[in-house]
Amino acid sequence: RGLRAQSRAAALAGAGTLALAAVVLDGRFLVRYFGEYNRRPEIYHGYHADLVEAAYWLKSRLRQDDEVFVTTIGMNEPWAITLVTLGHDPRRWFGEGREMRVVDGWEVYVRYGQMRFMYRGLWEPEYLRLEGDGVPQHAWFVVRPGELDLKDPVHVVRSPDGHDALWICELTI
């Protein structure tokens, strides 16, 4: 408004400069965001890109009666990530069993439906119950490499640097 009050040419020059700055800054952001941004370790791990990829892989292979055990090492609220990535039906969320606990001062879900989250000391009883019921259960384990001494993953999620980030193992318990 101040430039327009001075002269029309000054107002046009100011508007052009602002528009050019917006294009340059937004262009830089978009190139970075859709380029190397998601491959940066702090972004990759912070947004759980490994768990998202694992859940997408698992989604088409998951049967309704399968059990799924998901690591919590290096993750924040993996249950929320799986709810969204697996496309969990909200009606099922409200209708099925789920269990919330306080872990290190935070409310977390240790179980919903067929999903189990491996918070230390909280998932083992469920595994032992399934193992001891005498009925063979098909189970998936989404774990960090070597976790639980599991071997021979059926799928490996690799981090941007090429290292194994998550293993998906298939077992009968």
N, C-alpha and C. Protein backbone atom coordinates (compact mmCIF):
# COMPACT_ATOMS: atom_id res chain seq x y z
N ARG A 1 0.83 -1.19 0.00
CA ARG A 1 0.00 0.00 0.00
C ARG A 1 0.87 1.25 0.00
N GLY A 2 1.97 1.16 0.76
CA GLY A 2 2.88 2.30 0.81
C GLY A 2 3.50 2.58 -0.54
N LEU A 3 3.90 1.53 -1.26
CA LEU A 3 4.48 1.71 -2.59
C LEU A 3 3.44 2.21 -3.58
N ARG A 4 2.23 1.71 -3.48
CA ARG A 4 1.17 2.14 -4.38
C ARG A 4 0.85 3.63 -4.15
N ALA A 5 0.95 4.04 -2.87
CA ALA A 5 0.70 5.46 -2.57
C ALA A 5 1.78 6.33 -3.19
N GLN A 6 3.02 5.80 -3.33
CA GLN A 6 4.11 6.59 -3.92
C GLN A 6 3.97 6.66 -5.44
N SER A 7 3.85 5.46 -6.06
CA SER A 7 3.67 5.45 -7.52
C SER A 7 3.26 4.05 -7.96
N ARG A 8 2.60 4.01 -9.10
CA ARG A 8 2.15 2.73 -9.66
C ARG A 8 3.35 1.87 -10.05
N ALA A 9 4.40 2.47 -10.58
CA ALA A 9 5.60 1.72 -11.00
C ALA A 9 6.29 1.08 -9.79
N ALA A 10 6.37 1.80 -8.70
CA ALA A 10 6.99 1.24 -7.48
C ALA A 10 6.17 0.07 -6.95
N ALA A 11 4.85 0.19 -7.01
CA ALA A 11 3.98 -0.90 -6.55
C ALA A 11 4.15 -2.13 -7.44
N LEU A 12 4.21 -1.96 -8.74
CA LEU A 12 4.41 -3.09 -9.66
C LEU A 12 5.78 -3.73 -9.45
N ALA A 13 6.81 -2.93 -9.25
CA ALA A 13 8.15 -3.47 -9.01
C ALA A 13 8.17 -4.25 -7.70
N GLY A 14 7.54 -3.72 -6.67
CA GLY A 14 7.49 -4.42 -5.38
C GLY A 14 6.73 -5.73 -5.48
N ALA A 15 5.59 -5.72 -6.18
CA ALA A 15 4.79 -6.94 -6.35
C ALA A 15 5.57 -7.97 -7.16
N GLY A 16 6.27 -7.53 -8.20
CA GLY A 16 7.08 -8.44 -9.02
C GLY A 16 8.21 -9.06 -8.22
N THR A 17 8.85 -8.24 -7.39
CA THR A 17 9.94 -8.75 -6.55
C THR A 17 9.42 -9.80 -5.56
N LEU A 18 8.30 -9.52 -4.93
CA LEU A 18 7.70 -10.49 -4.00
C LEU A 18 7.31 -11.79 -4.70
N ALA A 19 6.71 -11.66 -5.90
CA ALA A 19 6.31 -12.86 -6.65
C ALA A 19 7.54 -13.68 -7.04
N LEU A 20 8.60 -13.03 -7.50
CA LEU A 20 9.82 -13.72 -7.87
C LEU A 20 10.44 -14.42 -6.66
N ALA A 21 10.48 -13.73 -5.53
CA ALA A 21 11.02 -14.33 -4.30
C ALA A 21 10.21 -15.56 -3.90
N ALA A 22 8.88 -15.48 -4.00
CA ALA A 22 8.02 -16.62 -3.65
C ALA A 22 8.30 -17.81 -4.56
N VAL A 23 8.44 -17.57 -5.86
CA VAL A 23 8.72 -18.66 -6.81
C VAL A 23 10.07 -19.30 -6.50
N VAL A 24 11.10 -18.48 -6.27
CA VAL A 24 12.44 -19.01 -6.00
C VAL A 24 12.45 -19.80 -4.69
N LEU A 25 11.90 -19.23 -3.64
CA LEU A 25 11.91 -19.92 -2.35
C LEU A 25 11.07 -21.19 -2.37
N ASP A 26 9.88 -21.14 -2.94
CA ASP A 26 9.04 -22.34 -3.04
C ASP A 26 9.68 -23.38 -3.94
N GLY A 27 10.31 -22.93 -5.02
CA GLY A 27 11.00 -23.87 -5.91
C GLY A 27 12.12 -24.59 -5.21
N ARG A 28 12.93 -23.85 -4.45
CA ARG A 28 14.01 -24.48 -3.67
C ARG A 28 13.45 -25.49 -2.69
N PHE A 29 12.38 -25.12 -2.00
CA PHE A 29 11.77 -26.02 -1.04
C PHE A 29 11.27 -27.30 -1.71
N LEU A 30 10.55 -27.16 -2.83
CA LEU A 30 9.98 -28.33 -3.49
C LEU A 30 11.06 -29.27 -4.02
N VAL A 31 12.12 -28.72 -4.58
CA VAL A 31 13.22 -29.55 -5.05
C VAL A 31 13.84 -30.33 -3.89
N ARG A 32 14.06 -29.65 -2.79
CA ARG A 32 14.66 -30.30 -1.62
C ARG A 32 13.70 -31.32 -1.02
N TYR A 33 12.43 -30.95 -0.87
CA TYR A 33 11.46 -31.83 -0.23
C TYR A 33 11.25 -33.11 -1.03
N PHE A 34 11.09 -32.99 -2.34
CA PHE A 34 10.85 -34.17 -3.16
C PHE A 34 12.14 -34.82 -3.63
N GLY A 35 13.27 -34.27 -3.26
CA GLY A 35 14.56 -34.83 -3.63
C GLY A 35 15.20 -35.55 -2.45
N GLU A 36 16.22 -34.95 -1.89
CA GLU A 36 17.01 -35.62 -0.86
C GLU A 36 16.38 -35.60 0.53
N TYR A 37 15.37 -34.81 0.74
CA TYR A 37 14.80 -34.62 2.08
C TYR A 37 14.42 -35.94 2.75
N ASN A 38 13.63 -36.76 2.07
CA ASN A 38 13.16 -38.01 2.67
C ASN A 38 14.25 -39.05 2.83
N ARG A 39 15.39 -38.84 2.22
CA ARG A 39 16.49 -39.79 2.36
C ARG A 39 17.44 -39.41 3.48
N ARG A 40 17.22 -38.27 4.11
CA ARG A 40 18.06 -37.85 5.23
C ARG A 40 17.72 -38.70 6.45
N PRO A 41 18.72 -39.24 7.15
CA PRO A 41 18.43 -40.15 8.26
C PRO A 41 17.49 -39.59 9.32
N GLU A 42 17.65 -38.33 9.68
CA GLU A 42 16.78 -37.80 10.74
C GLU A 42 15.33 -37.69 10.29
N ILE A 43 15.09 -37.51 9.02
CA ILE A 43 13.73 -37.46 8.48
C ILE A 43 13.21 -38.86 8.28
N TYR A 44 14.03 -39.72 7.69
CA TYR A 44 13.64 -41.10 7.40
C TYR A 44 13.18 -41.80 8.68
N HIS A 45 13.98 -41.70 9.74
CA HIS A 45 13.64 -42.37 10.99
C HIS A 45 12.53 -41.64 11.74
N GLY A 46 12.55 -40.34 11.71
CA GLY A 46 11.54 -39.57 12.43
C GLY A 46 10.13 -39.78 11.91
N TYR A 47 10.00 -40.02 10.63
CA TYR A 47 8.68 -40.24 10.04
C TYR A 47 8.39 -41.72 9.80
N HIS A 48 9.23 -42.57 10.33
CA HIS A 48 9.02 -44.03 10.27
C HIS A 48 8.81 -44.54 8.85
N ALA A 49 9.61 -44.04 7.93
CA ALA A 49 9.48 -44.47 6.54
C ALA A 49 9.69 -45.97 6.41
N ASP A 50 10.53 -46.55 7.26
CA ASP A 50 10.75 -47.99 7.21
C ASP A 50 9.49 -48.76 7.61
N LEU A 51 8.82 -48.33 8.67
CA LEU A 51 7.60 -49.01 9.10
C LEU A 51 6.47 -48.81 8.09
N VAL A 52 6.40 -47.63 7.49
CA VAL A 52 5.39 -47.39 6.46
C VAL A 52 5.61 -48.35 5.29
N GLU A 53 6.85 -48.48 4.84
CA GLU A 53 7.14 -49.40 3.74
C GLU A 53 6.82 -50.84 4.13
N ALA A 54 7.18 -51.23 5.33
CA ALA A 54 6.90 -52.60 5.80
C ALA A 54 5.40 -52.85 5.85
N ALA A 55 4.64 -51.89 6.34
CA ALA A 55 3.19 -52.06 6.44
C ALA A 55 2.55 -52.15 5.07
N TYR A 56 3.02 -51.34 4.12
CA TYR A 56 2.49 -51.43 2.75
C TYR A 56 2.78 -52.81 2.17
N TRP A 57 3.98 -53.35 2.40
CA TRP A 57 4.32 -54.67 1.89
C TRP A 57 3.43 -55.73 2.54
N LEU A 58 3.22 -55.60 3.81
CA LEU A 58 2.46 -56.58 4.58
C LEU A 58 0.96 -56.53 4.27
N LYS A 59 0.46 -55.37 3.93
CA LYS A 59 -0.98 -55.16 3.77
C LYS A 59 -1.64 -56.16 2.83
N SER A 60 -1.05 -56.42 1.69
CA SER A 60 -1.66 -57.33 0.72
C SER A 60 -1.48 -58.80 1.09
N ARG A 61 -0.62 -59.08 2.05
CA ARG A 61 -0.34 -60.46 2.44
C ARG A 61 -1.00 -60.86 3.76
N LEU A 62 -1.53 -59.89 4.45
CA LEU A 62 -2.07 -60.09 5.80
C LEU A 62 -3.46 -60.70 5.73
N ARG A 63 -3.61 -61.85 6.40
CA ARG A 63 -4.92 -62.49 6.49
C ARG A 63 -5.56 -62.09 7.82
N GLN A 64 -6.86 -62.18 7.88
CA GLN A 64 -7.59 -61.71 9.05
C GLN A 64 -7.22 -62.47 10.32
N ASP A 65 -6.82 -63.73 10.19
CA ASP A 65 -6.49 -64.51 11.39
C ASP A 65 -5.00 -64.53 11.70
N ASP A 66 -4.18 -63.79 10.97
CA ASP A 66 -2.75 -63.69 11.25
C ASP A 66 -2.51 -62.84 12.50
N GLU A 67 -1.46 -63.16 13.19
CA GLU A 67 -0.99 -62.33 14.31
C GLU A 67 0.21 -61.54 13.79
N VAL A 68 0.34 -60.30 14.23
CA VAL A 68 1.44 -59.46 13.79
C VAL A 68 2.11 -58.87 15.02
N PHE A 69 3.42 -59.06 15.12
CA PHE A 69 4.22 -58.50 16.21
C PHE A 69 5.16 -57.46 15.60
N VAL A 70 5.10 -56.23 16.12
CA VAL A 70 5.86 -55.12 15.56
C VAL A 70 6.82 -54.58 16.60
N THR A 71 8.07 -54.42 16.20
CA THR A 71 9.08 -53.85 17.09
C THR A 71 8.70 -52.43 17.50
N THR A 72 9.23 -52.02 18.62
CA THR A 72 9.06 -50.62 19.05
C THR A 72 10.41 -49.94 19.17
N ILE A 73 11.47 -50.63 18.84
CA ILE A 73 12.82 -50.08 18.95
C ILE A 73 12.99 -48.94 17.95
N GLY A 74 13.32 -47.77 18.46
CA GLY A 74 13.54 -46.61 17.61
C GLY A 74 12.27 -46.05 17.00
N MET A 75 11.13 -46.35 17.60
CA MET A 75 9.87 -45.88 17.03
C MET A 75 9.06 -45.14 18.08
N ASN A 76 8.26 -44.23 17.60
CA ASN A 76 7.34 -43.50 18.43
C ASN A 76 5.93 -43.77 17.91
N GLU A 77 5.11 -44.38 18.72
CA GLU A 77 3.73 -44.69 18.37
C GLU A 77 3.59 -45.50 17.08
N PRO A 78 4.25 -46.66 17.00
CA PRO A 78 4.11 -47.47 15.79
C PRO A 78 2.68 -47.92 15.54
N TRP A 79 1.89 -48.02 16.59
CA TRP A 79 0.49 -48.41 16.42
C TRP A 79 -0.27 -47.39 15.56
N ALA A 80 0.03 -46.11 15.72
CA ALA A 80 -0.64 -45.08 14.93
C ALA A 80 -0.22 -45.19 13.46
N ILE A 81 1.05 -45.45 13.22
CA ILE A 81 1.55 -45.60 11.85
C ILE A 81 0.85 -46.76 11.16
N THR A 82 0.72 -47.89 11.87
CA THR A 82 0.09 -49.06 11.24
C THR A 82 -1.40 -48.86 11.03
N LEU A 83 -2.07 -48.16 11.94
CA LEU A 83 -3.49 -47.88 11.73
C LEU A 83 -3.73 -47.18 10.41
N VAL A 84 -2.92 -46.17 10.14
CA VAL A 84 -3.09 -45.38 8.92
C VAL A 84 -2.61 -46.16 7.70
N THR A 85 -1.42 -46.72 7.78
CA THR A 85 -0.82 -47.37 6.61
C THR A 85 -1.59 -48.61 6.19
N LEU A 86 -2.07 -49.38 7.15
CA LEU A 86 -2.83 -50.58 6.82
C LEU A 86 -4.29 -50.26 6.47
N GLY A 87 -4.69 -49.00 6.62
CA GLY A 87 -6.06 -48.62 6.29
C GLY A 87 -7.07 -49.26 7.23
N HIS A 88 -6.73 -49.29 8.51
CA HIS A 88 -7.59 -49.94 9.49
C HIS A 88 -8.95 -49.24 9.56
N ASP A 89 -10.00 -50.01 9.48
CA ASP A 89 -11.36 -49.47 9.50
C ASP A 89 -11.70 -48.92 10.89
N PRO A 90 -12.10 -47.66 10.99
CA PRO A 90 -12.43 -47.08 12.30
C PRO A 90 -13.52 -47.85 13.04
N ARG A 91 -14.47 -48.44 12.30
CA ARG A 91 -15.52 -49.24 12.97
C ARG A 91 -14.90 -50.44 13.67
N ARG A 92 -13.89 -51.04 13.03
CA ARG A 92 -13.19 -52.16 13.68
C ARG A 92 -12.47 -51.68 14.93
N TRP A 93 -11.83 -50.50 14.84
CA TRP A 93 -11.09 -49.95 15.98
C TRP A 93 -12.00 -49.86 17.21
N PHE A 94 -13.21 -49.37 17.02
CA PHE A 94 -14.12 -49.21 18.14
C PHE A 94 -14.79 -50.52 18.55
N GLY A 95 -14.82 -51.50 17.64
CA GLY A 95 -15.50 -52.75 17.95
C GLY A 95 -14.61 -53.89 18.42
N GLU A 96 -13.33 -53.81 18.14
CA GLU A 96 -12.45 -54.92 18.50
C GLU A 96 -11.69 -54.63 19.79
N GLY A 97 -11.06 -55.65 20.31
CA GLY A 97 -10.27 -55.47 21.52
C GLY A 97 -9.00 -54.68 21.25
N ARG A 98 -8.65 -53.85 22.19
CA ARG A 98 -7.38 -53.11 22.12
C ARG A 98 -6.95 -52.86 23.56
N GLU A 99 -5.65 -52.66 23.71
CA GLU A 99 -5.12 -52.48 25.06
C GLU A 99 -4.13 -51.32 25.07
N MET A 100 -4.39 -50.39 25.97
CA MET A 100 -3.52 -49.23 26.12
C MET A 100 -2.84 -49.34 27.48
N ARG A 101 -1.58 -49.00 27.51
CA ARG A 101 -0.80 -49.00 28.75
C ARG A 101 0.02 -47.72 28.81
N VAL A 102 0.56 -47.45 29.98
CA VAL A 102 1.47 -46.33 30.15
C VAL A 102 2.89 -46.89 30.14
N VAL A 103 3.71 -46.42 29.22
CA VAL A 103 5.10 -46.85 29.09
C VAL A 103 5.97 -45.61 29.16
N ASP A 104 6.84 -45.54 30.14
CA ASP A 104 7.73 -44.39 30.33
C ASP A 104 6.96 -43.07 30.35
N GLY A 105 5.80 -43.09 30.98
CA GLY A 105 5.00 -41.89 31.12
C GLY A 105 4.11 -41.55 29.93
N TRP A 106 4.11 -42.40 28.91
CA TRP A 106 3.31 -42.15 27.70
C TRP A 106 2.24 -43.22 27.56
N GLU A 107 1.06 -42.81 27.16
CA GLU A 107 0.00 -43.77 26.86
C GLU A 107 0.25 -44.33 25.47
N VAL A 108 0.38 -45.64 25.39
CA VAL A 108 0.63 -46.31 24.11
C VAL A 108 -0.30 -47.51 23.99
N TYR A 109 -0.60 -47.87 22.77
CA TYR A 109 -1.36 -49.09 22.55
C TYR A 109 -0.38 -50.23 22.36
N VAL A 110 -0.55 -51.26 23.14
CA VAL A 110 0.30 -52.44 23.03
C VAL A 110 -0.36 -53.50 22.16
N ARG A 111 -1.66 -53.29 21.90
CA ARG A 111 -2.39 -54.25 21.08
C ARG A 111 -3.66 -53.61 20.54
N TYR A 112 -3.96 -53.92 19.30
CA TYR A 112 -5.30 -53.68 18.75
C TYR A 112 -5.52 -54.75 17.70
N GLY A 113 -6.70 -55.33 17.70
CA GLY A 113 -7.00 -56.38 16.73
C GLY A 113 -5.93 -57.45 16.71
N GLN A 114 -5.38 -57.68 15.54
CA GLN A 114 -4.34 -58.70 15.37
C GLN A 114 -2.93 -58.15 15.54
N MET A 115 -2.83 -56.87 15.79
CA MET A 115 -1.53 -56.21 15.90
C MET A 115 -1.04 -56.21 17.35
N ARG A 116 0.24 -56.57 17.55
CA ARG A 116 0.87 -56.56 18.87
C ARG A 116 2.15 -55.73 18.76
N PHE A 117 2.37 -54.86 19.72
CA PHE A 117 3.55 -54.00 19.69
C PHE A 117 4.47 -54.39 20.82
N MET A 118 5.72 -54.61 20.49
CA MET A 118 6.68 -55.28 21.36
C MET A 118 7.34 -54.35 22.36
N TYR A 119 6.52 -53.72 23.20
CA TYR A 119 7.06 -52.94 24.31
C TYR A 119 7.57 -53.94 25.35
N ARG A 120 8.77 -53.68 25.85
CA ARG A 120 9.43 -54.62 26.75
C ARG A 120 8.53 -55.02 27.92
N GLY A 121 8.40 -56.33 28.09
CA GLY A 121 7.62 -56.89 29.18
C GLY A 121 6.13 -56.93 28.96
N LEU A 122 5.63 -56.34 27.90
CA LEU A 122 4.19 -56.28 27.69
C LEU A 122 3.68 -57.19 26.58
N TRP A 123 4.55 -57.59 25.66
CA TRP A 123 4.09 -58.41 24.55
C TRP A 123 4.36 -59.89 24.77
N GLU A 124 5.35 -60.20 25.60
CA GLU A 124 5.76 -61.59 25.80
C GLU A 124 4.64 -62.48 26.31
N PRO A 125 3.83 -62.03 27.29
CA PRO A 125 2.74 -62.91 27.75
C PRO A 125 1.76 -63.29 26.64
N GLU A 126 1.48 -62.37 25.75
CA GLU A 126 0.58 -62.67 24.64
C GLU A 126 1.20 -63.69 23.70
N TYR A 127 2.49 -63.54 23.43
CA TYR A 127 3.19 -64.51 22.59
C TYR A 127 3.17 -65.89 23.25
N LEU A 128 3.47 -65.95 24.54
CA LEU A 128 3.48 -67.23 25.25
C LEU A 128 2.09 -67.87 25.29
N ARG A 129 1.05 -67.04 25.41
CA ARG A 129 -0.31 -67.56 25.39
C ARG A 129 -0.62 -68.20 24.03
N LEU A 130 -0.25 -67.52 22.96
CA LEU A 130 -0.48 -68.05 21.62
C LEU A 130 0.34 -69.32 21.38
N GLU A 131 1.56 -69.29 21.86
CA GLU A 131 2.46 -70.44 21.68
C GLU A 131 1.95 -71.66 22.45
N GLY A 132 1.36 -71.41 23.61
CA GLY A 132 0.95 -72.51 24.47
C GLY A 132 -0.47 -72.99 24.30
N ASP A 133 -1.24 -72.37 23.40
CA ASP A 133 -2.65 -72.78 23.28
C ASP A 133 -2.85 -74.04 22.45
N GLY A 134 -1.78 -74.57 21.87
CA GLY A 134 -1.87 -75.82 21.12
C GLY A 134 -2.43 -75.67 19.71
N VAL A 135 -2.78 -74.46 19.32
CA VAL A 135 -3.31 -74.21 17.98
C VAL A 135 -2.25 -73.46 17.18
N PRO A 136 -1.78 -74.05 16.07
CA PRO A 136 -0.78 -73.34 15.27
C PRO A 136 -1.34 -72.00 14.74
N GLN A 137 -0.58 -70.95 14.94
CA GLN A 137 -0.97 -69.61 14.51
C GLN A 137 0.05 -69.08 13.50
N HIS A 138 -0.45 -68.52 12.41
CA HIS A 138 0.44 -67.87 11.45
C HIS A 138 0.74 -66.47 11.97
N ALA A 139 2.01 -66.11 12.03
CA ALA A 139 2.39 -64.81 12.60
C ALA A 139 3.45 -64.14 11.74
N TRP A 140 3.36 -62.83 11.72
CA TRP A 140 4.36 -61.98 11.08
C TRP A 140 5.10 -61.23 12.17
N PHE A 141 6.40 -61.07 11.99
CA PHE A 141 7.21 -60.28 12.90
C PHE A 141 7.89 -59.18 12.10
N VAL A 142 7.63 -57.94 12.47
CA VAL A 142 8.29 -56.79 11.85
C VAL A 142 9.30 -56.31 12.88
N VAL A 143 10.57 -56.62 12.64
CA VAL A 143 11.60 -56.42 13.66
C VAL A 143 12.84 -55.75 13.08
N ARG A 144 13.67 -55.25 13.97
CA ARG A 144 14.97 -54.74 13.56
C ARG A 144 15.86 -55.94 13.22
N PRO A 145 16.83 -55.77 12.33
CA PRO A 145 17.69 -56.89 11.94
C PRO A 145 18.30 -57.59 13.16
N GLY A 146 18.09 -58.90 13.22
CA GLY A 146 18.64 -59.71 14.30
C GLY A 146 17.84 -59.69 15.59
N GLU A 147 16.83 -58.85 15.69
CA GLU A 147 16.02 -58.79 16.90
C GLU A 147 15.32 -60.14 17.11
N LEU A 148 15.25 -60.57 18.35
CA LEU A 148 14.65 -61.85 18.74
C LEU A 148 15.38 -63.04 18.14
N ASP A 149 16.59 -62.82 17.67
CA ASP A 149 17.37 -63.86 17.01
C ASP A 149 16.65 -64.49 15.81
N LEU A 150 15.76 -63.73 15.20
CA LEU A 150 15.07 -64.21 14.01
C LEU A 150 16.03 -64.20 12.83
N LYS A 151 15.83 -65.12 11.93
CA LYS A 151 16.68 -65.24 10.75
C LYS A 151 15.80 -65.40 9.52
N ASP A 152 16.39 -65.28 8.38
CA ASP A 152 15.73 -65.52 7.09
C ASP A 152 14.46 -64.70 6.90
N PRO A 153 14.57 -63.38 6.85
CA PRO A 153 13.37 -62.57 6.62
C PRO A 153 12.79 -62.83 5.23
N VAL A 154 11.47 -62.73 5.12
CA VAL A 154 10.83 -62.88 3.81
C VAL A 154 10.85 -61.57 3.04
N HIS A 155 11.08 -60.47 3.77
CA HIS A 155 11.20 -59.16 3.13
C HIS A 155 12.12 -58.29 3.98
N VAL A 156 12.95 -57.52 3.31
CA VAL A 156 13.87 -56.60 4.00
C VAL A 156 13.58 -55.18 3.53
N VAL A 157 13.40 -54.29 4.50
CA VAL A 157 13.24 -52.86 4.21
C VAL A 157 14.61 -52.24 4.45
N ARG A 158 15.12 -51.57 3.43
CA ARG A 158 16.44 -50.96 3.54
C ARG A 158 16.31 -49.45 3.73
N SER A 159 17.23 -48.91 4.52
CA SER A 159 17.27 -47.47 4.74
C SER A 159 17.94 -46.81 3.53
N PRO A 160 17.89 -45.50 3.43
CA PRO A 160 18.49 -44.82 2.26
C PRO A 160 19.97 -45.10 2.08
N ASP A 161 20.68 -45.45 3.16
CA ASP A 161 22.11 -45.75 3.02
C ASP A 161 22.37 -47.20 2.64
N GLY A 162 21.30 -47.97 2.41
CA GLY A 162 21.44 -49.35 1.94
C GLY A 162 21.49 -50.40 3.04
N HIS A 163 21.50 -49.98 4.30
CA HIS A 163 21.52 -50.94 5.41
C HIS A 163 20.11 -51.47 5.68
N ASP A 164 20.05 -52.69 6.21
CA ASP A 164 18.76 -53.26 6.59
C ASP A 164 18.16 -52.42 7.72
N ALA A 165 16.93 -51.97 7.54
CA ALA A 165 16.25 -51.17 8.57
C ALA A 165 15.25 -52.03 9.33
N LEU A 166 14.47 -52.82 8.60
CA LEU A 166 13.49 -53.71 9.21
C LEU A 166 13.47 -55.04 8.47
N TRP A 167 13.22 -56.09 9.20
CA TRP A 167 13.00 -57.39 8.62
C TRP A 167 11.55 -57.78 8.86
N ILE A 168 10.96 -58.42 7.88
CA ILE A 168 9.65 -59.03 8.07
C ILE A 168 9.86 -60.53 8.00
N CYS A 169 9.54 -61.19 9.09
CA CYS A 169 9.72 -62.63 9.20
C CYS A 169 8.36 -63.27 9.37
N GLU A 170 8.22 -64.46 8.82
CA GLU A 170 6.97 -65.20 8.86
C GLU A 170 7.20 -66.49 9.66
N LEU A 171 6.36 -66.72 10.67
CA LEU A 171 6.52 -67.90 11.53
C LEU A 171 5.18 -68.54 11.81
N THR A 172 5.23 -69.79 12.21
CA THR A 172 4.06 -70.46 12.79
C THR A 172 4.38 -70.67 14.24
N ILE A 173 3.51 -70.13 15.12
CA ILE A 173 3.76 -70.27 16.56
C ILE A 173 2.67 -71.13 17.18
